[in-house]
């Protein structure tokens, strides 16, 4: 599963307002609710699951990347939202650096292999310096999505 398979311009935020990882999770889940990918009544439960996972270990993996994620039985397919912060988000990252690119994704409960595979694909793509730079330089959500599509060969 490629990033382009779970994203669209509607779930990409080119100017995140969050200053820490908890606000970033709230902001990206709000985008998924507004895009109709999460039912509004499930918002709090899904936020709790993602934050519980994040509490066990920060998903700030270095290189300015955060990948908060979780499994939940409140969705039926893999979904995600992508955000960019020009100022940086305090994420308690492995390298103690602020995060500028945040990819939140959710996988249906019980799909452990899909969860691991999706996480690995996202991390592999975002570890490419040129790809990160292109995302940081893109002027808006549509341009960011086109960069993501180009990276995944779609």
Foldseek 3Di string as FASTA:
>chain_A
DAPLVADDLQQEAAADPAAAPLSVLLVSLVSCCVVVQAPPVCSVVVSVQQVVVCVVDFQQADPQEGEGEGEEQRGDAKHKHKYAHPVFHQGVHPVRGGHGIYIYMYGYPPPVVVVVVHVVNVVVLCVDPVLVVQCNPQPGSNSNSVSRCVSVVD
